[in-house]
């Protein structure tokens, strides 16, 4: 997969585009003062396959290549990074040269593109919304029961490893510390060490970015667990299932459908991971 960056510079996790400085008024103790504040950037990112627009997602403009790759994998548009032949990022600029959005143009295999056209799924999503615009209920829920047999059967993590990862999460979330407005998705090894972390204004986007980064780096997801700083939604669990991630740990609660899909897919789902405690909702045999 080749990546062309001819039309932009420094649009990645180290980029100044990830946040902007705004002057705000602060009321405290009956006194109003002005200060500079860092605000997380949010912009539309269009995902285009073989010159056909498939989705427009509201997202943070860093790790965009990883986002496009991860979205393509977790939405089952492709099955491996090798099926993206080319990836180009283009800035969408206003008349005053300010960046108003991005377009990610990907060239995928003809077989995959034919399957994509059959799905007839064209969505314009709110922040991190991966189901907006789907044309049928069947498109919203992809089968997970066949995944269970493909998950690593011997994988387990200790409760102390989960606690260690949760305690380290905040210090790894640099953009969240700066802005207070983004979610984090981290890949942790079996000892609870955070190996990789991605941030985004959308929690599902953060997971897509993480999956994309791990896939691009050929990092195995057979040994370790996914940690998210948000609730465990239906779509986070489904994306994890497609990525063959066996254990999901969320700082907040899961939804009922998230638990149902985790149980169906053989995934271990842990919620309320904070303050040296957590709750397991499905397939708890992987926790020691």
C-alpha atoms as a PDB file:
ATOM      1  CA  UNK A   1       0.000   0.000   0.000  1.00  0.00           C
ATOM      2  CA  UNK A   2       1.473   3.348  -1.000  1.00  0.00           C
ATOM      3  CA  UNK A   3       0.562   6.573   0.761  1.00  0.00           C
ATOM      4  CA  UNK A   4       0.764   9.867  -1.091  1.00  0.00           C
ATOM      5  CA  UNK A   5       1.032  13.086   0.903  1.00  0.00           C
ATOM      6  CA  UNK A   6       1.637  15.600  -1.848  1.00  0.00           C
ATOM      7  CA  UNK A   7      -1.260  17.875  -0.918  1.00  0.00           C
ATOM      8  CA  UNK A   8      -0.700  18.288   2.792  1.00  0.00           C
ATOM      9  CA  UNK A   9       1.964  18.438   5.456  1.00  0.00           C
ATOM     10  CA  UNK A  10       2.090  17.197   9.043  1.00  0.00           C
ATOM     11  CA  UNK A  11      -1.431  15.869   9.390  1.00  0.00           C
ATOM     12  CA  UNK A  12      -0.641  13.224  11.972  1.00  0.00           C
ATOM     13  CA  UNK A  13      -0.709  12.648  15.718  1.00  0.00           C
ATOM     14  CA  UNK A  14       2.094  15.177  16.249  1.00  0.00           C
ATOM     15  CA  UNK A  15       0.354  17.807  14.141  1.00  0.00           C
ATOM     16  CA  UNK A  16      -0.715  21.237  15.247  1.00  0.00           C
ATOM     17  CA  UNK A  17      -4.058  20.461  13.578  1.00  0.00           C
ATOM     18  CA  UNK A  18      -5.130  18.174  16.441  1.00  0.00           C
ATOM     19  CA  UNK A  19      -6.118  21.182  18.558  1.00  0.00           C
ATOM     20  CA  UNK A  20      -6.650  24.912  18.257  1.00  0.00           C
ATOM     21  CA  UNK A  21      -6.136  27.758  20.719  1.00  0.00           C
ATOM     22  CA  UNK A  22      -9.223  29.803  21.573  1.00  0.00           C
ATOM     23  CA  UNK A  23      -9.639  32.760  23.909  1.00  0.00           C
ATOM     24  CA  UNK A  24     -12.361  32.004  26.442  1.00  0.00           C
ATOM     25  CA  UNK A  25     -14.049  33.735  29.325  1.00  0.00           C
ATOM     26  CA  UNK A  26     -13.778  31.947  32.654  1.00  0.00           C
ATOM     27  CA  UNK A  27     -16.184  32.595  35.513  1.00  0.00           C
ATOM     28  CA  UNK A  28     -14.855  31.561  38.933  1.00  0.00           C
ATOM     29  CA  UNK A  29     -15.739  32.849  42.359  1.00  0.00           C
ATOM     30  CA  UNK A  30     -17.771  35.711  40.949  1.00  0.00           C
ATOM     31  CA  UNK A  31     -14.870  36.944  38.809  1.00  0.00           C
ATOM     32  CA  UNK A  32     -14.699  36.729  35.011  1.00  0.00           C
ATOM     33  CA  UNK A  33     -11.281  36.449  33.416  1.00  0.00           C
ATOM     34  CA  UNK A  34      -9.940  35.684  29.956  1.00  0.00           C
ATOM     35  CA  UNK A  35      -7.507  32.908  29.138  1.00  0.00           C
ATOM     36  CA  UNK A  36      -6.234  30.812  26.258  1.00  0.00           C
ATOM     37  CA  UNK A  37      -7.691  27.319  26.014  1.00  0.00           C
ATOM     38  CA  UNK A  38      -6.844  24.307  23.834  1.00  0.00           C
ATOM     39  CA  UNK A  39      -9.834  22.904  21.932  1.00  0.00           C
ATOM     40  CA  UNK A  40      -9.865  19.526  20.169  1.00  0.00           C
ATOM     41  CA  UNK A  41     -10.197  19.836  16.403  1.00  0.00           C
ATOM     42  CA  UNK A  42     -13.150  18.105  14.758  1.00  0.00           C
ATOM     43  CA  UNK A  43     -13.664  17.984  11.007  1.00  0.00           C
ATOM     44  CA  UNK A  44     -15.399  15.904   8.326  1.00  0.00           C
ATOM     45  CA  UNK A  45     -13.259  13.171   6.802  1.00  0.00           C
ATOM     46  CA  UNK A  46     -14.577  11.620   3.596  1.00  0.00           C
ATOM     47  CA  UNK A  47     -13.610   8.018   2.845  1.00  0.00           C
ATOM     48  CA  UNK A  48     -13.558   7.378  -0.901  1.00  0.00           C
ATOM     49  CA  UNK A  49     -13.030   3.983  -2.525  1.00  0.00           C
ATOM     50  CA  UNK A  50     -12.162   3.744  -6.222  1.00  0.00           C
ATOM     51  CA  UNK A  51     -13.487   7.295  -6.769  1.00  0.00           C
ATOM     52  CA  UNK A  52     -16.819   6.541  -5.053  1.00  0.00           C
ATOM     53  CA  UNK A  53     -17.568   8.270  -1.735  1.00  0.00           C
ATOM     54  CA  UNK A  54     -18.620   5.745   0.896  1.00  0.00           C
ATOM     55  CA  UNK A  55     -18.691   7.595   4.210  1.00  0.00           C
ATOM     56  CA  UNK A  56     -18.171  11.001   5.766  1.00  0.00           C
ATOM     57  CA  UNK A  57     -17.154  10.770   9.408  1.00  0.00           C
ATOM     58  CA  UNK A  58     -16.617  13.552  11.921  1.00  0.00           C
ATOM     59  CA  UNK A  59     -13.201  12.875  13.408  1.00  0.00           C
ATOM     60  CA  UNK A  60      -9.951  14.277  14.747  1.00  0.00           C
ATOM     61  CA  UNK A  61      -7.481  15.045  11.922  1.00  0.00           C
ATOM     62  CA  UNK A  62      -4.559  12.964  13.138  1.00  0.00           C
ATOM     63  CA  UNK A  63      -3.582   9.369  12.379  1.00  0.00           C
ATOM     64  CA  UNK A  64      -5.835   9.707   9.348  1.00  0.00           C
ATOM     65  CA  UNK A  65      -4.125   6.952   7.348  1.00  0.00           C
ATOM     66  CA  UNK A  66      -4.567   4.600  10.303  1.00  0.00           C
ATOM     67  CA  UNK A  67      -8.214   5.658  10.593  1.00  0.00           C
ATOM     68  CA  UNK A  68      -8.890   4.906   6.926  1.00  0.00           C
ATOM     69  CA  UNK A  69      -7.157   1.535   7.126  1.00  0.00           C
ATOM     70  CA  UNK A  70      -8.822   0.572  10.398  1.00  0.00           C
ATOM     71  CA  UNK A  71     -12.279   1.620   9.202  1.00  0.00           C
ATOM     72  CA  UNK A  72     -11.766  -0.398   6.019  1.00  0.00           C
ATOM     73  CA  UNK A  73     -10.850  -3.462   8.085  1.00  0.00           C
ATOM     74  CA  UNK A  74     -13.481  -3.226  10.830  1.00  0.00           C
ATOM     75  CA  UNK A  75     -16.247  -2.479   8.326  1.00  0.00           C
ATOM     76  CA  UNK A  76     -15.041  -5.511   6.328  1.00  0.00           C
ATOM     77  CA  UNK A  77     -14.486  -3.485   3.188  1.00  0.00           C
ATOM     78  CA  UNK A  78     -11.095  -5.205   2.977  1.00  0.00           C
ATOM     79  CA  UNK A  79      -9.677  -8.220   4.792  1.00  0.00           C
ATOM     80  CA  UNK A  80      -6.011  -7.162   4.874  1.00  0.00           C
ATOM     81  CA  UNK A  81      -3.955  -3.972   4.361  1.00  0.00           C
ATOM     82  CA  UNK A  82      -2.598  -5.438   1.124  1.00  0.00           C
ATOM     83  CA  UNK A  83      -6.015  -4.932  -0.483  1.00  0.00           C
ATOM     84  CA  UNK A  84      -5.509  -1.162  -0.414  1.00  0.00           C
ATOM     85  CA  UNK A  85      -3.266  -0.468  -3.391  1.00  0.00           C
ATOM     86  CA  UNK A  86      -2.993   3.279  -2.914  1.00  0.00           C
ATOM     87  CA  UNK A  87      -4.067   5.857  -0.345  1.00  0.00           C
ATOM     88  CA  UNK A  88      -4.097   9.612  -0.903  1.00  0.00           C
ATOM     89  CA  UNK A  89      -4.988  12.324   1.591  1.00  0.00           C
ATOM     90  CA  UNK A  90      -6.347  15.629   0.351  1.00  0.00           C
ATOM     91  CA  UNK A  91      -7.140  18.766   2.297  1.00  0.00           C
ATOM     92  CA  UNK A  92     -10.412  20.576   1.691  1.00  0.00           C
ATOM     93  CA  UNK A  93      -9.731  24.277   2.119  1.00  0.00           C
ATOM     94  CA  UNK A  94     -11.968  27.325   2.378  1.00  0.00           C
ATOM     95  CA  UNK A  95     -11.328  30.542   0.465  1.00  0.00           C
ATOM     96  CA  UNK A  96      -9.315  31.907   3.403  1.00  0.00           C
ATOM     97  CA  UNK A  97      -6.970  28.884   3.230  1.00  0.00           C
ATOM     98  CA  UNK A  98      -8.370  27.372   6.432  1.00  0.00           C
ATOM     99  CA  UNK A  99      -8.789  23.600   6.447  1.00  0.00           C
ATOM    100  CA  UNK A 100     -12.466  22.604   6.559  1.00  0.00           C
ATOM    101  CA  UNK A 101     -12.160  18.863   5.964  1.00  0.00           C
ATOM    102  CA  UNK A 102     -10.198  15.987   4.499  1.00  0.00           C
ATOM    103  CA  UNK A 103     -10.705  13.349   1.854  1.00  0.00           C
ATOM    104  CA  UNK A 104      -9.032   9.957   1.954  1.00  0.00           C
ATOM    105  CA  UNK A 105      -9.024   8.432  -1.526  1.00  0.00           C
ATOM    106  CA  UNK A 106      -8.238   4.714  -1.584  1.00  0.00           C
ATOM    107  CA  UNK A 107      -7.797   2.290  -4.430  1.00  0.00           C
ATOM    108  CA  UNK A 108      -8.915  -1.213  -3.463  1.00  0.00           C
ATOM    109  CA  UNK A 109      -9.059  -4.502  -5.316  1.00  0.00           C
ATOM    110  CA  UNK A 110     -11.790  -4.908  -7.905  1.00  0.00           C
ATOM    111  CA  UNK A 111     -13.241  -7.879  -6.016  1.00  0.00           C
ATOM    112  CA  UNK A 112     -13.571  -5.877  -2.811  1.00  0.00           C
ATOM    113  CA  UNK A 113     -15.012  -2.883  -4.620  1.00  0.00           C
ATOM    114  CA  UNK A 114     -17.674  -5.063  -6.243  1.00  0.00           C
ATOM    115  CA  UNK A 115     -18.693  -6.353  -2.804  1.00  0.00           C
ATOM    116  CA  UNK A 116     -18.751  -2.813  -1.454  1.00  0.00           C
ATOM    117  CA  UNK A 117     -21.100  -1.665  -4.199  1.00  0.00           C
ATOM    118  CA  UNK A 118     -23.426  -4.554  -3.422  1.00  0.00           C
ATOM    119  CA  UNK A 119     -23.739  -3.413   0.147  1.00  0.00           C
ATOM    120  CA  UNK A 120     -25.099  -0.062  -1.047  1.00  0.00           C
ATOM    121  CA  UNK A 121     -24.119   1.554   2.227  1.00  0.00           C
ATOM    122  CA  UNK A 122     -23.545   5.288   1.993  1.00  0.00           C
ATOM    123  CA  UNK A 123     -23.480   7.080   5.304  1.00  0.00           C
ATOM    124  CA  UNK A 124     -22.912  10.543   6.634  1.00  0.00           C
ATOM    125  CA  UNK A 125     -22.101  10.006  10.282  1.00  0.00           C
ATOM    126  CA  UNK A 126     -22.078  12.229  13.285  1.00  0.00           C
ATOM    127  CA  UNK A 127     -18.997  12.072  15.474  1.00  0.00           C
ATOM    128  CA  UNK A 128     -17.919   8.455  15.532  1.00  0.00           C
ATOM    129  CA  UNK A 129     -21.309   7.281  14.306  1.00  0.00           C
ATOM    130  CA  UNK A 130     -20.811   4.238  12.125  1.00  0.00           C
ATOM    131  CA  UNK A 131     -24.451   3.279  11.618  1.00  0.00           C
ATOM    132  CA  UNK A 132     -25.995   6.555  10.459  1.00  0.00           C
ATOM    133  CA  UNK A 133     -27.358   6.131   6.963  1.00  0.00           C
ATOM    134  CA  UNK A 134     -27.391   2.344   6.882  1.00  0.00           C
ATOM    135  CA  UNK A 135     -30.201   1.138   4.680  1.00  0.00           C
ATOM    136  CA  UNK A 136     -31.460  -1.834   6.694  1.00  0.00           C
ATOM    137  CA  UNK A 137     -31.387  -3.353  10.162  1.00  0.00           C
ATOM    138  CA  UNK A 138     -29.379  -6.269   8.779  1.00  0.00           C
ATOM    139  CA  UNK A 139     -26.585  -3.851   7.864  1.00  0.00           C
ATOM    140  CA  UNK A 140     -26.404  -2.590  11.432  1.00  0.00           C
ATOM    141  CA  UNK A 141     -25.635  -5.958  12.950  1.00  0.00           C
ATOM    142  CA  UNK A 142     -23.134  -8.230  11.308  1.00  0.00           C
ATOM    143  CA  UNK A 143     -22.958 -11.862  12.498  1.00  0.00           C
ATOM    144  CA  UNK A 144     -20.433 -12.492  15.273  1.00  0.00           C
ATOM    145  CA  UNK A 145     -21.115 -16.134  16.134  1.00  0.00           C
ATOM    146  CA  UNK A 146     -18.567 -17.424  13.604  1.00  0.00           C
ATOM    147  CA  UNK A 147     -15.777 -15.410  15.225  1.00  0.00           C
ATOM    148  CA  UNK A 148     -15.627 -17.335  18.510  1.00  0.00           C
ATOM    149  CA  UNK A 149     -13.747 -20.302  17.073  1.00  0.00           C
ATOM    150  CA  UNK A 150     -11.131 -17.983  15.545  1.00  0.00           C
ATOM    151  CA  UNK A 151     -10.230 -16.217  18.804  1.00  0.00           C
ATOM    152  CA  UNK A 152      -7.138 -17.328  20.746  1.00  0.00           C
ATOM    153  CA  UNK A 153      -8.433 -20.043  23.059  1.00  0.00           C
ATOM    154  CA  UNK A 154      -5.639 -19.894  25.640  1.00  0.00           C
ATOM    155  CA  UNK A 155      -5.491 -16.110  26.052  1.00  0.00           C
ATOM    156  CA  UNK A 156      -5.956 -14.804  29.574  1.00  0.00           C
ATOM    157  CA  UNK A 157      -5.137 -11.641  31.501  1.00  0.00           C
ATOM    158  CA  UNK A 158      -4.893 -11.000  35.201  1.00  0.00           C
ATOM    159  CA  UNK A 159      -6.954  -8.533  37.140  1.00  0.00           C
ATOM    160  CA  UNK A 160      -3.740  -6.747  38.117  1.00  0.00           C
ATOM    161  CA  UNK A 161      -2.817  -6.327  34.435  1.00  0.00           C
ATOM    162  CA  UNK A 162      -6.161  -4.655  33.780  1.00  0.00           C
ATOM    163  CA  UNK A 163      -5.672  -2.369  36.764  1.00  0.00           C
ATOM    164  CA  UNK A 164      -2.158  -1.447  35.607  1.00  0.00           C
ATOM    165  CA  UNK A 165      -3.384  -0.497  32.140  1.00  0.00           C
ATOM    166  CA  UNK A 166      -6.270   1.569  33.485  1.00  0.00           C
ATOM    167  CA  UNK A 167      -3.973   3.437  35.864  1.00  0.00           C
ATOM    168  CA  UNK A 168      -1.555   4.243  33.017  1.00  0.00           C
ATOM    169  CA  UNK A 169      -4.249   5.290  30.548  1.00  0.00           C
ATOM    170  CA  UNK A 170      -4.506   8.943  31.524  1.00  0.00           C
ATOM    171  CA  UNK A 171      -0.797   9.670  31.179  1.00  0.00           C
ATOM    172  CA  UNK A 172      -0.839   8.235  27.650  1.00  0.00           C
ATOM    173  CA  UNK A 173      -3.791  10.403  26.576  1.00  0.00           C
ATOM    174  CA  UNK A 174      -1.897  13.582  25.754  1.00  0.00           C
ATOM    175  CA  UNK A 175      -4.635  15.163  23.621  1.00  0.00           C
ATOM    176  CA  UNK A 176      -7.271  14.387  26.243  1.00  0.00           C
ATOM    177  CA  UNK A 177      -5.085  15.979  28.915  1.00  0.00           C
ATOM    178  CA  UNK A 178      -4.745  19.060  26.720  1.00  0.00           C
ATOM    179  CA  UNK A 179      -8.377  19.437  25.624  1.00  0.00           C
ATOM    180  CA  UNK A 180     -10.586  17.186  27.771  1.00  0.00           C
ATOM    181  CA  UNK A 181     -12.661  16.326  24.695  1.00  0.00           C
ATOM    182  CA  UNK A 182     -11.373  13.095  23.140  1.00  0.00           C
ATOM    183  CA  UNK A 183     -11.625   9.350  23.674  1.00  0.00           C
ATOM    184  CA  UNK A 184      -8.723   6.931  23.810  1.00  0.00           C
ATOM    185  CA  UNK A 185      -8.329   3.372  22.544  1.00  0.00           C
ATOM    186  CA  UNK A 186      -5.253   1.495  23.726  1.00  0.00           C
ATOM    187  CA  UNK A 187      -3.728  -1.860  22.902  1.00  0.00           C
ATOM    188  CA  UNK A 188      -2.284  -3.479  26.018  1.00  0.00           C
ATOM    189  CA  UNK A 189      -0.120  -6.564  26.325  1.00  0.00           C
ATOM    190  CA  UNK A 190      -0.925  -9.379  28.730  1.00  0.00           C
ATOM    191  CA  UNK A 191       1.083  -7.681  31.463  1.00  0.00           C
ATOM    192  CA  UNK A 192      -1.036  -4.536  31.211  1.00  0.00           C
ATOM    193  CA  UNK A 193       1.546  -2.368  29.445  1.00  0.00           C
ATOM    194  CA  UNK A 194       0.078   0.050  26.901  1.00  0.00           C
ATOM    195  CA  UNK A 195       1.737  -0.745  23.569  1.00  0.00           C
ATOM    196  CA  UNK A 196      -0.167   1.701  21.346  1.00  0.00           C
ATOM    197  CA  UNK A 197      -2.829   4.349  21.889  1.00  0.00           C
ATOM    198  CA  UNK A 198      -4.968   6.448  19.559  1.00  0.00           C
ATOM    199  CA  UNK A 199      -7.243   9.371  20.363  1.00  0.00           C
ATOM    200  CA  UNK A 200     -10.234  10.867  18.603  1.00  0.00           C
ATOM    201  CA  UNK A 201     -13.326  12.926  19.305  1.00  0.00           C
ATOM    202  CA  UNK A 202     -15.287   9.792  18.354  1.00  0.00           C
ATOM    203  CA  UNK A 203     -14.788   6.649  20.432  1.00  0.00           C
ATOM    204  CA  UNK A 204     -15.395   4.360  17.441  1.00  0.00           C
ATOM    205  CA  UNK A 205     -12.905   6.371  15.401  1.00  0.00           C
ATOM    206  CA  UNK A 206     -10.269   5.866  18.091  1.00  0.00           C
ATOM    207  CA  UNK A 207     -10.772   2.099  17.826  1.00  0.00           C
ATOM    208  CA  UNK A 208     -10.515   2.250  14.031  1.00  0.00           C
ATOM    209  CA  UNK A 209      -7.274   4.228  14.296  1.00  0.00           C
ATOM    210  CA  UNK A 210      -5.848   1.705  16.729  1.00  0.00           C
ATOM    211  CA  UNK A 211      -6.782  -1.283  14.567  1.00  0.00           C
ATOM    212  CA  UNK A 212      -5.271   0.483  11.555  1.00  0.00           C
ATOM    213  CA  UNK A 213      -2.016   1.231  13.365  1.00  0.00           C
ATOM    214  CA  UNK A 214      -1.669  -2.316  14.645  1.00  0.00           C
ATOM    215  CA  UNK A 215      -2.425  -3.784  11.224  1.00  0.00           C
ATOM    216  CA  UNK A 216       0.008  -1.456   9.441  1.00  0.00           C
ATOM    217  CA  UNK A 217       2.739  -2.392  11.926  1.00  0.00           C
ATOM    218  CA  UNK A 218       1.894  -6.106  11.745  1.00  0.00           C
ATOM    219  CA  UNK A 219       1.357  -6.181  15.517  1.00  0.00           C
ATOM    220  CA  UNK A 220      -0.560  -9.307  16.487  1.00  0.00           C
ATOM    221  CA  UNK A 221      -3.825  -8.873  18.348  1.00  0.00           C
ATOM    222  CA  UNK A 222      -3.753 -12.467  19.575  1.00  0.00           C
ATOM    223  CA  UNK A 223      -2.051 -11.603  22.870  1.00  0.00           C
ATOM    224  CA  UNK A 224      -3.386  -8.634  24.781  1.00  0.00           C
ATOM    225  CA  UNK A 225      -6.555  -6.624  25.206  1.00  0.00           C
ATOM    226  CA  UNK A 226      -8.329  -3.493  24.017  1.00  0.00           C
ATOM    227  CA  UNK A 227      -8.819  -0.712  26.565  1.00  0.00           C
ATOM    228  CA  UNK A 228     -11.201   2.157  25.803  1.00  0.00           C
ATOM    229  CA  UNK A 229     -11.703   5.298  27.866  1.00  0.00           C
ATOM    230  CA  UNK A 230     -15.420   5.365  27.058  1.00  0.00           C
ATOM    231  CA  UNK A 231     -18.437   3.132  27.471  1.00  0.00           C
ATOM    232  CA  UNK A 232     -18.471  -0.166  25.580  1.00  0.00           C
ATOM    233  CA  UNK A 233     -20.977   0.451  22.803  1.00  0.00           C
ATOM    234  CA  UNK A 234     -22.412  -2.064  20.381  1.00  0.00           C
ATOM    235  CA  UNK A 235     -20.182  -0.845  17.578  1.00  0.00           C
ATOM    236  CA  UNK A 236     -16.939  -0.915  19.555  1.00  0.00           C
ATOM    237  CA  UNK A 237     -17.597  -4.563  20.396  1.00  0.00           C
ATOM    238  CA  UNK A 238     -18.495  -5.386  16.804  1.00  0.00           C
ATOM    239  CA  UNK A 239     -15.370  -3.682  15.455  1.00  0.00           C
ATOM    240  CA  UNK A 240     -13.267  -5.561  18.004  1.00  0.00           C
ATOM    241  CA  UNK A 241     -14.915  -8.821  16.987  1.00  0.00           C
ATOM    242  CA  UNK A 242     -14.107  -8.244  13.318  1.00  0.00           C
ATOM    243  CA  UNK A 243     -10.503  -7.444  14.293  1.00  0.00           C
ATOM    244  CA  UNK A 244     -10.362 -10.734  16.257  1.00  0.00           C
ATOM    245  CA  UNK A 245      -9.765  -8.980  19.585  1.00  0.00           C
ATOM    246  CA  UNK A 246     -10.751 -11.391  22.344  1.00  0.00           C
ATOM    247  CA  UNK A 247     -10.832  -9.084  25.387  1.00  0.00           C
ATOM    248  CA  UNK A 248     -12.345  -5.599  25.659  1.00  0.00           C
ATOM    249  CA  UNK A 249     -11.968  -3.449  28.754  1.00  0.00           C
ATOM    250  CA  UNK A 250     -13.983  -0.235  29.082  1.00  0.00           C
ATOM    251  CA  UNK A 251     -13.658   2.459  31.711  1.00  0.00           C
ATOM    252  CA  UNK A 252     -17.439   2.960  31.680  1.00  0.00           C
ATOM    253  CA  UNK A 253     -20.466   0.700  31.268  1.00  0.00           C
ATOM    254  CA  UNK A 254     -21.402  -1.512  28.319  1.00  0.00           C
ATOM    255  CA  UNK A 255     -24.753  -1.391  26.566  1.00  0.00           C
ATOM    256  CA  UNK A 256     -27.107  -4.356  26.447  1.00  0.00           C
ATOM    257  CA  UNK A 257     -26.433  -4.988  22.760  1.00  0.00           C
ATOM    258  CA  UNK A 258     -22.680  -4.784  23.343  1.00  0.00           C
ATOM    259  CA  UNK A 259     -22.974  -7.563  25.939  1.00  0.00           C
ATOM    260  CA  UNK A 260     -25.167  -9.627  23.625  1.00  0.00           C
ATOM    261  CA  UNK A 261     -22.724  -9.389  20.722  1.00  0.00           C
ATOM    262  CA  UNK A 262     -19.727 -10.080  22.969  1.00  0.00           C
ATOM    263  CA  UNK A 263     -21.422 -13.211  24.290  1.00  0.00           C
ATOM    264  CA  UNK A 264     -22.395 -14.317  20.798  1.00  0.00           C
ATOM    265  CA  UNK A 265     -18.904 -13.713  19.423  1.00  0.00           C
ATOM    266  CA  UNK A 266     -17.027 -15.299  22.305  1.00  0.00           C
ATOM    267  CA  UNK A 267     -15.463 -12.022  23.440  1.00  0.00           C
ATOM    268  CA  UNK A 268     -14.688 -11.203  27.061  1.00  0.00           C
ATOM    269  CA  UNK A 269     -16.253  -7.841  27.896  1.00  0.00           C
ATOM    270  CA  UNK A 270     -15.193  -5.898  30.986  1.00  0.00           C
ATOM    271  CA  UNK A 271     -16.700  -2.602  32.110  1.00  0.00           C
ATOM    272  CA  UNK A 272     -16.434  -0.048  34.913  1.00  0.00           C
ATOM    273  CA  UNK A 273     -12.662  -0.571  34.982  1.00  0.00           C
ATOM    274  CA  UNK A 274     -11.598   2.080  37.456  1.00  0.00           C
ATOM    275  CA  UNK A 275     -10.584   2.578  41.076  1.00  0.00           C
ATOM    276  CA  UNK A 276      -8.963  -0.854  41.300  1.00  0.00           C
ATOM    277  CA  UNK A 277     -12.147  -2.716  40.354  1.00  0.00           C
ATOM    278  CA  UNK A 278     -13.941  -3.912  37.209  1.00  0.00           C
ATOM    279  CA  UNK A 279     -16.981  -5.920  36.186  1.00  0.00           C
ATOM    280  CA  UNK A 280     -16.945  -8.803  33.694  1.00  0.00           C
ATOM    281  CA  UNK A 281     -20.096  -9.212  31.586  1.00  0.00           C
ATOM    282  CA  UNK A 282     -19.304 -12.071  29.203  1.00  0.00           C
ATOM    283  CA  UNK A 283     -16.857 -14.958  28.749  1.00  0.00           C
ATOM    284  CA  UNK A 284     -15.119 -14.299  32.053  1.00  0.00           C
ATOM    285  CA  UNK A 285     -12.938 -17.415  31.785  1.00  0.00           C
ATOM    286  CA  UNK A 286     -10.138 -15.310  30.266  1.00  0.00           C
ATOM    287  CA  UNK A 287      -9.688 -13.316  33.478  1.00  0.00           C
ATOM    288  CA  UNK A 288      -7.339 -14.747  36.099  1.00  0.00           C
END
